[in-house]
């Protein structure tokens, strides 16, 4: 009886060509965008089959940037992320479901502060290509939504006109390029 072994492939982050960010409604009328400057992801697949991917992602919350120092400091405080106590957020995949040729639904557990909740993210697979230096790379666009209060990010303020200063819904987005480990 012949057994077939599948090669485990490790993909590491190409941080120079990747970004992770979010958008949240402010005063119910406009979006404020932010990003994380320091994050990492490791993906393990069977061969080059991303349907088999095990994904481990983390972001350093102190690297948050919204273009406003006061707002960034407020986000780092106990009102929101409490980065002194909880320095990172994390995501670990549980399954990847193919929707069509280039799209997937990524299921996983997101941990912010001391709360872990299941989330679903939409993934567009950009493909695999070799760069001019012979590195094999893969690319992904990831989007999704979470409710920040599910993760104890509860601070808010009421508006005179009704509504709240900061929406509960947070839109997530990422452009991720990975490098196949030799």
C-alpha atoms as a PDB file:
ATOM      1  CA  UNK A   1       0.000   0.000   0.000  1.00  0.00           C
ATOM      2  CA  UNK A   2       1.428   3.336  -1.058  1.00  0.00           C
ATOM      3  CA  UNK A   3       1.004   6.419   1.111  1.00  0.00           C
ATOM      4  CA  UNK A   4       1.121   9.896  -0.255  1.00  0.00           C
ATOM      5  CA  UNK A   5       2.685  12.623   1.815  1.00  0.00           C
ATOM      6  CA  UNK A   6       1.794  16.230   1.310  1.00  0.00           C
ATOM      7  CA  UNK A   7       4.513  18.787   1.821  1.00  0.00           C
ATOM      8  CA  UNK A   8       3.813  21.400   4.469  1.00  0.00           C
ATOM      9  CA  UNK A   9       4.496  24.876   3.136  1.00  0.00           C
ATOM     10  CA  UNK A  10       5.183  27.883   5.358  1.00  0.00           C
ATOM     11  CA  UNK A  11       4.281  31.362   4.101  1.00  0.00           C
ATOM     12  CA  UNK A  12       5.619  34.404   5.982  1.00  0.00           C
ATOM     13  CA  UNK A  13       4.503  38.020   5.834  1.00  0.00           C
ATOM     14  CA  UNK A  14       6.005  40.394   3.284  1.00  0.00           C
ATOM     15  CA  UNK A  15       5.443  43.428   5.537  1.00  0.00           C
ATOM     16  CA  UNK A  16       6.710  45.883   2.905  1.00  0.00           C
ATOM     17  CA  UNK A  17       3.794  44.971   0.623  1.00  0.00           C
ATOM     18  CA  UNK A  18       1.051  44.451   3.219  1.00  0.00           C
ATOM     19  CA  UNK A  19      -1.298  46.629   5.264  1.00  0.00           C
ATOM     20  CA  UNK A  20      -3.987  46.079   7.886  1.00  0.00           C
ATOM     21  CA  UNK A  21      -6.613  48.675   8.683  1.00  0.00           C
ATOM     22  CA  UNK A  22     -10.104  49.545   9.793  1.00  0.00           C
ATOM     23  CA  UNK A  23     -12.857  52.120   9.313  1.00  0.00           C
ATOM     24  CA  UNK A  24     -15.429  53.263  11.833  1.00  0.00           C
ATOM     25  CA  UNK A  25     -18.264  55.805  11.496  1.00  0.00           C
ATOM     26  CA  UNK A  26     -17.750  59.049  13.394  1.00  0.00           C
ATOM     27  CA  UNK A  27     -20.816  61.094  14.397  1.00  0.00           C
ATOM     28  CA  UNK A  28     -22.858  58.783  12.138  1.00  0.00           C
ATOM     29  CA  UNK A  29     -21.820  60.832   9.068  1.00  0.00           C
ATOM     30  CA  UNK A  30     -18.229  60.008   8.027  1.00  0.00           C
ATOM     31  CA  UNK A  31     -15.686  57.215   8.341  1.00  0.00           C
ATOM     32  CA  UNK A  32     -12.423  57.515  10.246  1.00  0.00           C
ATOM     33  CA  UNK A  33      -9.693  55.174   9.030  1.00  0.00           C
ATOM     34  CA  UNK A  34      -6.860  53.661  10.984  1.00  0.00           C
ATOM     35  CA  UNK A  35      -4.163  51.068  10.569  1.00  0.00           C
ATOM     36  CA  UNK A  36      -1.670  48.954  12.462  1.00  0.00           C
ATOM     37  CA  UNK A  37       1.981  49.582  11.642  1.00  0.00           C
ATOM     38  CA  UNK A  38       3.303  46.388  13.244  1.00  0.00           C
ATOM     39  CA  UNK A  39       1.682  43.027  12.551  1.00  0.00           C
ATOM     40  CA  UNK A  40       2.678  39.538  11.576  1.00  0.00           C
ATOM     41  CA  UNK A  41       1.089  36.512   9.965  1.00  0.00           C
ATOM     42  CA  UNK A  42       2.255  32.975   9.371  1.00  0.00           C
ATOM     43  CA  UNK A  43       0.343  30.628   7.096  1.00  0.00           C
ATOM     44  CA  UNK A  44       0.885  26.899   6.794  1.00  0.00           C
ATOM     45  CA  UNK A  45      -0.591  25.064   3.809  1.00  0.00           C
ATOM     46  CA  UNK A  46      -0.429  21.617   2.298  1.00  0.00           C
ATOM     47  CA  UNK A  47       1.633  22.278  -0.808  1.00  0.00           C
ATOM     48  CA  UNK A  48       0.325  25.494  -2.390  1.00  0.00           C
ATOM     49  CA  UNK A  49      -3.342  24.731  -1.589  1.00  0.00           C
ATOM     50  CA  UNK A  50      -4.618  27.677   0.444  1.00  0.00           C
ATOM     51  CA  UNK A  51      -7.890  25.827   1.122  1.00  0.00           C
ATOM     52  CA  UNK A  52      -5.812  23.890   3.698  1.00  0.00           C
ATOM     53  CA  UNK A  53      -4.400  27.043   5.306  1.00  0.00           C
ATOM     54  CA  UNK A  54      -3.760  27.400   9.014  1.00  0.00           C
ATOM     55  CA  UNK A  55      -3.414  31.122   9.658  1.00  0.00           C
ATOM     56  CA  UNK A  56      -1.956  32.805  12.720  1.00  0.00           C
ATOM     57  CA  UNK A  57      -2.113  36.641  12.771  1.00  0.00           C
ATOM     58  CA  UNK A  58      -1.215  39.200  15.430  1.00  0.00           C
ATOM     59  CA  UNK A  59      -1.001  42.988  15.558  1.00  0.00           C
ATOM     60  CA  UNK A  60       0.756  45.199  18.090  1.00  0.00           C
ATOM     61  CA  UNK A  61      -1.934  47.549  19.353  1.00  0.00           C
ATOM     62  CA  UNK A  62       0.586  50.274  20.258  1.00  0.00           C
ATOM     63  CA  UNK A  63       1.245  50.587  16.509  1.00  0.00           C
ATOM     64  CA  UNK A  64      -2.289  51.888  15.856  1.00  0.00           C
ATOM     65  CA  UNK A  65      -2.449  55.062  13.774  1.00  0.00           C
ATOM     66  CA  UNK A  66      -5.435  57.163  12.750  1.00  0.00           C
ATOM     67  CA  UNK A  67      -3.471  60.261  11.773  1.00  0.00           C
ATOM     68  CA  UNK A  68      -4.287  61.982  15.086  1.00  0.00           C
ATOM     69  CA  UNK A  69      -2.060  61.531  18.157  1.00  0.00           C
ATOM     70  CA  UNK A  70      -4.763  62.378  20.706  1.00  0.00           C
ATOM     71  CA  UNK A  71      -7.211  59.909  19.142  1.00  0.00           C
ATOM     72  CA  UNK A  72      -4.479  57.237  18.928  1.00  0.00           C
ATOM     73  CA  UNK A  73      -3.664  57.708  22.621  1.00  0.00           C
ATOM     74  CA  UNK A  74      -7.378  57.441  23.488  1.00  0.00           C
ATOM     75  CA  UNK A  75      -7.608  54.183  21.499  1.00  0.00           C
ATOM     76  CA  UNK A  76      -4.583  52.826  23.424  1.00  0.00           C
ATOM     77  CA  UNK A  77      -6.178  53.759  26.786  1.00  0.00           C
ATOM     78  CA  UNK A  78      -8.448  51.674  29.010  1.00  0.00           C
ATOM     79  CA  UNK A  79     -11.496  53.155  27.216  1.00  0.00           C
ATOM     80  CA  UNK A  80     -10.616  51.011  24.208  1.00  0.00           C
ATOM     81  CA  UNK A  81      -7.679  48.606  23.705  1.00  0.00           C
ATOM     82  CA  UNK A  82      -5.905  49.092  27.064  1.00  0.00           C
ATOM     83  CA  UNK A  83      -2.557  48.370  25.390  1.00  0.00           C
ATOM     84  CA  UNK A  84      -0.631  48.383  28.691  1.00  0.00           C
ATOM     85  CA  UNK A  85      -2.609  45.304  29.752  1.00  0.00           C
ATOM     86  CA  UNK A  86      -3.408  43.799  26.323  1.00  0.00           C
ATOM     87  CA  UNK A  87      -0.545  44.644  23.925  1.00  0.00           C
ATOM     88  CA  UNK A  88      -1.744  42.517  20.963  1.00  0.00           C
ATOM     89  CA  UNK A  89      -4.798  41.397  19.119  1.00  0.00           C
ATOM     90  CA  UNK A  90      -4.775  37.986  17.508  1.00  0.00           C
ATOM     91  CA  UNK A  91      -6.575  35.893  14.929  1.00  0.00           C
ATOM     92  CA  UNK A  92      -6.339  32.154  14.373  1.00  0.00           C
ATOM     93  CA  UNK A  93      -8.163  30.483  11.494  1.00  0.00           C
ATOM     94  CA  UNK A  94     -10.567  27.600  12.016  1.00  0.00           C
ATOM     95  CA  UNK A  95     -11.550  26.943   8.381  1.00  0.00           C
ATOM     96  CA  UNK A  96     -11.464  28.406   4.888  1.00  0.00           C
ATOM     97  CA  UNK A  97     -14.466  27.832   2.637  1.00  0.00           C
ATOM     98  CA  UNK A  98     -14.145  28.291  -1.129  1.00  0.00           C
ATOM     99  CA  UNK A  99     -16.928  30.429  -2.646  1.00  0.00           C
ATOM    100  CA  UNK A 100     -15.641  30.445  -6.242  1.00  0.00           C
ATOM    101  CA  UNK A 101     -12.324  30.449  -8.136  1.00  0.00           C
ATOM    102  CA  UNK A 102     -10.781  33.382  -6.318  1.00  0.00           C
ATOM    103  CA  UNK A 103     -12.997  33.967  -3.264  1.00  0.00           C
ATOM    104  CA  UNK A 104     -13.195  32.372   0.119  1.00  0.00           C
ATOM    105  CA  UNK A 105     -14.867  32.848   3.478  1.00  0.00           C
ATOM    106  CA  UNK A 106     -12.287  32.712   6.254  1.00  0.00           C
ATOM    107  CA  UNK A 107     -13.580  31.577   9.643  1.00  0.00           C
ATOM    108  CA  UNK A 108     -11.520  32.079  12.770  1.00  0.00           C
ATOM    109  CA  UNK A 109     -11.236  33.282  16.325  1.00  0.00           C
ATOM    110  CA  UNK A 110     -10.417  36.953  16.907  1.00  0.00           C
ATOM    111  CA  UNK A 111      -9.013  37.966  20.292  1.00  0.00           C
ATOM    112  CA  UNK A 112      -9.102  41.600  21.416  1.00  0.00           C
ATOM    113  CA  UNK A 113      -8.407  42.457  25.044  1.00  0.00           C
ATOM    114  CA  UNK A 114      -9.456  39.348  26.965  1.00  0.00           C
ATOM    115  CA  UNK A 115     -12.314  38.378  24.647  1.00  0.00           C
ATOM    116  CA  UNK A 116     -12.182  35.769  21.890  1.00  0.00           C
ATOM    117  CA  UNK A 117     -15.082  35.549  19.421  1.00  0.00           C
ATOM    118  CA  UNK A 118     -15.612  33.739  16.120  1.00  0.00           C
ATOM    119  CA  UNK A 119     -15.554  35.964  13.028  1.00  0.00           C
ATOM    120  CA  UNK A 120     -16.018  35.502   9.280  1.00  0.00           C
ATOM    121  CA  UNK A 121     -13.921  37.417   6.768  1.00  0.00           C
ATOM    122  CA  UNK A 122     -14.144  37.637   2.973  1.00  0.00           C
ATOM    123  CA  UNK A 123     -10.937  36.741   1.147  1.00  0.00           C
ATOM    124  CA  UNK A 124     -10.035  37.449  -2.483  1.00  0.00           C
ATOM    125  CA  UNK A 125      -7.066  35.378  -3.624  1.00  0.00           C
ATOM    126  CA  UNK A 126      -4.852  37.386  -5.967  1.00  0.00           C
ATOM    127  CA  UNK A 127      -2.720  34.415  -7.019  1.00  0.00           C
ATOM    128  CA  UNK A 128       0.842  33.175  -6.744  1.00  0.00           C
ATOM    129  CA  UNK A 129       3.758  34.709  -8.652  1.00  0.00           C
ATOM    130  CA  UNK A 130       7.574  34.894  -8.595  1.00  0.00           C
ATOM    131  CA  UNK A 131       9.180  38.258  -7.984  1.00  0.00           C
ATOM    132  CA  UNK A 132      12.300  39.369  -9.962  1.00  0.00           C
ATOM    133  CA  UNK A 133      14.556  37.838  -7.249  1.00  0.00           C
ATOM    134  CA  UNK A 134      12.989  34.367  -7.479  1.00  0.00           C
ATOM    135  CA  UNK A 135      10.812  34.573  -4.345  1.00  0.00           C
ATOM    136  CA  UNK A 136       7.437  32.884  -4.644  1.00  0.00           C
ATOM    137  CA  UNK A 137       4.693  35.169  -3.333  1.00  0.00           C
ATOM    138  CA  UNK A 138       0.938  35.013  -2.837  1.00  0.00           C
ATOM    139  CA  UNK A 139      -1.516  37.871  -2.407  1.00  0.00           C
ATOM    140  CA  UNK A 140      -4.831  38.352  -0.652  1.00  0.00           C
ATOM    141  CA  UNK A 141      -7.413  41.077  -0.042  1.00  0.00           C
ATOM    142  CA  UNK A 142      -9.357  40.537   3.175  1.00  0.00           C
ATOM    143  CA  UNK A 143     -12.481  42.395   4.345  1.00  0.00           C
ATOM    144  CA  UNK A 144     -15.005  41.979   7.118  1.00  0.00           C
ATOM    145  CA  UNK A 145     -17.000  43.590   9.892  1.00  0.00           C
ATOM    146  CA  UNK A 146     -17.082  43.208  13.651  1.00  0.00           C
ATOM    147  CA  UNK A 147     -19.074  44.783  16.447  1.00  0.00           C
ATOM    148  CA  UNK A 148     -16.503  46.425  18.717  1.00  0.00           C
ATOM    149  CA  UNK A 149     -18.694  46.056  21.827  1.00  0.00           C
ATOM    150  CA  UNK A 150     -18.421  42.253  21.447  1.00  0.00           C
ATOM    151  CA  UNK A 151     -14.764  42.763  22.486  1.00  0.00           C
ATOM    152  CA  UNK A 152     -15.411  45.161  25.414  1.00  0.00           C
ATOM    153  CA  UNK A 153     -14.524  48.229  23.338  1.00  0.00           C
ATOM    154  CA  UNK A 154     -17.529  50.030  24.793  1.00  0.00           C
ATOM    155  CA  UNK A 155     -16.604  53.722  25.149  1.00  0.00           C
ATOM    156  CA  UNK A 156     -18.962  56.129  23.417  1.00  0.00           C
ATOM    157  CA  UNK A 157     -20.684  59.493  23.755  1.00  0.00           C
ATOM    158  CA  UNK A 158     -24.243  60.470  22.883  1.00  0.00           C
ATOM    159  CA  UNK A 159     -24.893  63.187  20.307  1.00  0.00           C
ATOM    160  CA  UNK A 160     -27.372  66.044  20.785  1.00  0.00           C
ATOM    161  CA  UNK A 161     -29.036  65.052  17.530  1.00  0.00           C
ATOM    162  CA  UNK A 162     -29.434  61.438  18.625  1.00  0.00           C
ATOM    163  CA  UNK A 163     -27.081  58.644  17.766  1.00  0.00           C
ATOM    164  CA  UNK A 164     -23.558  58.150  19.063  1.00  0.00           C
ATOM    165  CA  UNK A 165     -20.102  59.572  18.446  1.00  0.00           C
ATOM    166  CA  UNK A 166     -18.510  56.270  17.376  1.00  0.00           C
ATOM    167  CA  UNK A 167     -20.402  53.448  15.656  1.00  0.00           C
ATOM    168  CA  UNK A 168     -20.287  49.933  17.069  1.00  0.00           C
ATOM    169  CA  UNK A 169     -19.621  48.429  13.632  1.00  0.00           C
ATOM    170  CA  UNK A 170     -15.973  48.370  12.560  1.00  0.00           C
ATOM    171  CA  UNK A 171     -15.039  47.538   8.974  1.00  0.00           C
ATOM    172  CA  UNK A 172     -11.795  45.586   8.638  1.00  0.00           C
ATOM    173  CA  UNK A 173      -9.563  45.407   5.575  1.00  0.00           C
ATOM    174  CA  UNK A 174      -6.153  44.027   4.760  1.00  0.00           C
ATOM    175  CA  UNK A 175      -3.873  43.653   1.772  1.00  0.00           C
ATOM    176  CA  UNK A 176      -1.533  40.778   2.562  1.00  0.00           C
ATOM    177  CA  UNK A 177       1.404  39.527   0.534  1.00  0.00           C
ATOM    178  CA  UNK A 178       3.116  36.351   1.702  1.00  0.00           C
ATOM    179  CA  UNK A 179       6.541  34.913   0.853  1.00  0.00           C
ATOM    180  CA  UNK A 180       6.959  31.168   0.522  1.00  0.00           C
ATOM    181  CA  UNK A 181       9.639  29.956   2.921  1.00  0.00           C
ATOM    182  CA  UNK A 182      12.445  28.204   1.065  1.00  0.00           C
END
